[in-house]
Every structure is written in C-alpha cells, then in structure tokens.
Amino acid sequence: MILFAAVVFFQVINLPVEFNASSRAREQLVAQGIIAGNEEHYVAKVLNAAALTYVAATLQSIMTLAYYLFILLGDRR
C-alpha cells in the first residue's frame, strides 16, 4: 500500500511537468518550422489532449488507492 501511494504521489507531482512538456513541444515545433503558424492551434489541442491522458491516469490511480484504503481500513469496529 505504501509503495502504491508513493507511485500515486509521484504521478501527482509529475502532472505540471507533463503540461510544461506539451507547451515546450508546441513552441519547438513552431520554432523549427515543422508546423505553420496557422496549424499551432490544432497542434496545441492535440498536445493538450495528450497531457490530459496523464490527468486521467492520475485520477484513476488516486481512486484505486482510495478503494484499497477503504478495503484495508473499512470494517474496523
């Protein structure tokens, strides 16, 4: 349980890094001329959606941790 909680904590701490990486990737794609300026909006949407997959995975991990904690601590009377 402690190890799983550590993984969940790491995922929560890592979320801002993922959003920053998406932002930097978009900037690099424009700076290197890989995408045109008018395509930046669409690329931003795709990269934001990719970053949101990490949010979904983190929320799922938090809920799984809560589930296991409720099982572990649930019926103690």
C-alpha atoms as a PDB file:
ATOM      1  CA  MET A   1       0.000   0.000   0.000  1.00  0.00           C
ATOM      2  CA  ILE A   2       2.831   2.374   0.860  1.00  0.00           C
ATOM      3  CA  LEU A   3       4.580   1.716  -2.442  1.00  0.00           C
ATOM      4  CA  PHE A   4       1.377   2.291  -4.416  1.00  0.00           C
ATOM      5  CA  ALA A   5       0.794   5.536  -2.504  1.00  0.00           C
ATOM      6  CA  ALA A   6       4.326   6.611  -3.430  1.00  0.00           C
ATOM      7  CA  VAL A   7       3.588   5.955  -7.093  1.00  0.00           C
ATOM      8  CA  VAL A   8       0.389   7.993  -6.876  1.00  0.00           C
ATOM      9  CA  PHE A   9       2.283  10.822  -5.195  1.00  0.00           C
ATOM     10  CA  PHE A  10       4.869  10.755  -7.976  1.00  0.00           C
ATOM     11  CA  GLN A  11       2.122  10.912 -10.605  1.00  0.00           C
ATOM     12  CA  VAL A  12       0.555  13.962  -8.932  1.00  0.00           C
ATOM     13  CA  ILE A  13       3.916  15.718  -8.727  1.00  0.00           C
ATOM     14  CA  ASN A  14       4.615  14.874 -12.372  1.00  0.00           C
ATOM     15  CA  LEU A  15       1.433  16.461 -13.785  1.00  0.00           C
ATOM     16  CA  PRO A  16       2.798  20.015 -14.154  1.00  0.00           C
ATOM     17  CA  VAL A  17       5.867  18.585 -15.881  1.00  0.00           C
ATOM     18  CA  GLU A  18       3.666  16.931 -18.496  1.00  0.00           C
ATOM     19  CA  PHE A  19       1.758  20.123 -19.238  1.00  0.00           C
ATOM     20  CA  ASN A  20       5.011  22.065 -19.468  1.00  0.00           C
ATOM     21  CA  ALA A  21       6.425  19.464 -21.860  1.00  0.00           C
ATOM     22  CA  SER A  22       3.414  19.839 -24.143  1.00  0.00           C
ATOM     23  CA  SER A  23       3.820  23.598 -24.149  1.00  0.00           C
ATOM     24  CA  ARG A  24       7.534  23.383 -24.915  1.00  0.00           C
ATOM     25  CA  ALA A  25       6.918  20.842 -27.679  1.00  0.00           C
ATOM     26  CA  ARG A  26       4.458  23.182 -29.373  1.00  0.00           C
ATOM     27  CA  GLU A  27       6.944  26.044 -29.170  1.00  0.00           C
ATOM     28  CA  GLN A  28       9.703  23.887 -30.649  1.00  0.00           C
ATOM     29  CA  LEU A  29       7.503  22.677 -33.494  1.00  0.00           C
ATOM     30  CA  VAL A  30       6.769  26.269 -34.488  1.00  0.00           C
ATOM     31  CA  ALA A  31      10.338  27.486 -33.941  1.00  0.00           C
ATOM     32  CA  GLN A  32      11.834  24.761 -36.118  1.00  0.00           C
ATOM     33  CA  GLY A  33       9.276  25.288 -38.871  1.00  0.00           C
ATOM     34  CA  ILE A  34       7.837  21.799 -38.589  1.00  0.00           C
ATOM     35  CA  ILE A  35       4.334  23.261 -38.405  1.00  0.00           C
ATOM     36  CA  ALA A  36       2.999  26.513 -39.816  1.00  0.00           C
ATOM     37  CA  GLY A  37       1.736  29.244 -37.520  1.00  0.00           C
ATOM     38  CA  ASN A  38      -1.874  28.646 -38.561  1.00  0.00           C
ATOM     39  CA  GLU A  39      -1.555  24.972 -37.506  1.00  0.00           C
ATOM     40  CA  GLU A  40      -0.413  25.826 -33.990  1.00  0.00           C
ATOM     41  CA  HIS A  41      -3.980  25.922 -32.650  1.00  0.00           C
ATOM     42  CA  TYR A  42      -4.636  22.351 -33.799  1.00  0.00           C
ATOM     43  CA  VAL A  43      -1.302  21.074 -32.532  1.00  0.00           C
ATOM     44  CA  ALA A  44      -1.991  22.724 -29.165  1.00  0.00           C
ATOM     45  CA  LYS A  45      -5.306  20.887 -28.918  1.00  0.00           C
ATOM     46  CA  VAL A  46      -3.696  17.516 -29.655  1.00  0.00           C
ATOM     47  CA  LEU A  47      -0.834  18.067 -27.219  1.00  0.00           C
ATOM     48  CA  ASN A  48      -3.268  19.247 -24.545  1.00  0.00           C
ATOM     49  CA  ALA A  49      -5.345  16.110 -25.072  1.00  0.00           C
ATOM     50  CA  ALA A  50      -2.180  14.023 -24.703  1.00  0.00           C
ATOM     51  CA  ALA A  51      -1.375  15.768 -21.416  1.00  0.00           C
ATOM     52  CA  LEU A  52      -4.936  15.171 -20.212  1.00  0.00           C
ATOM     53  CA  THR A  53      -4.391  11.425 -20.551  1.00  0.00           C
ATOM     54  CA  TYR A  54      -1.895  11.784 -17.691  1.00  0.00           C
ATOM     55  CA  VAL A  55      -4.560  13.575 -15.658  1.00  0.00           C
ATOM     56  CA  ALA A  56      -6.993  10.733 -16.288  1.00  0.00           C
ATOM     57  CA  ALA A  57      -4.400   8.120 -15.316  1.00  0.00           C
ATOM     58  CA  THR A  58      -3.551  10.033 -12.140  1.00  0.00           C
ATOM     59  CA  LEU A  59      -7.206  10.347 -11.146  1.00  0.00           C
ATOM     60  CA  GLN A  60      -7.682   6.637 -11.752  1.00  0.00           C
ATOM     61  CA  SER A  61      -4.670   5.870  -9.540  1.00  0.00           C
ATOM     62  CA  ILE A  62      -5.985   8.142  -6.789  1.00  0.00           C
ATOM     63  CA  MET A  63      -9.359   6.420  -6.890  1.00  0.00           C
ATOM     64  CA  THR A  64      -7.746   2.971  -6.838  1.00  0.00           C
ATOM     65  CA  LEU A  65      -5.642   3.986  -3.844  1.00  0.00           C
ATOM     66  CA  ALA A  66      -8.772   5.249  -2.078  1.00  0.00           C
ATOM     67  CA  TYR A  67     -10.548   1.972  -2.872  1.00  0.00           C
ATOM     68  CA  TYR A  68      -7.751  -0.101  -1.372  1.00  0.00           C
ATOM     69  CA  LEU A  69      -7.551   2.154   1.667  1.00  0.00           C
ATOM     70  CA  PHE A  70     -11.294   1.771   2.251  1.00  0.00           C
ATOM     71  CA  ILE A  71     -10.927  -2.003   1.992  1.00  0.00           C
ATOM     72  CA  LEU A  72      -7.972  -2.023   4.351  1.00  0.00           C
ATOM     73  CA  LEU A  73      -9.446   0.348   6.924  1.00  0.00           C
ATOM     74  CA  GLY A  74     -13.136  -0.221   6.222  1.00  0.00           C
ATOM     75  CA  ASP A  75     -14.615  -2.651   8.742  1.00  0.00           C
ATOM     76  CA  ARG A  76     -12.668  -1.947  11.916  1.00  0.00           C
ATOM     77  CA  ARG A  77     -15.068  -1.783  14.840  1.00  0.00           C
END
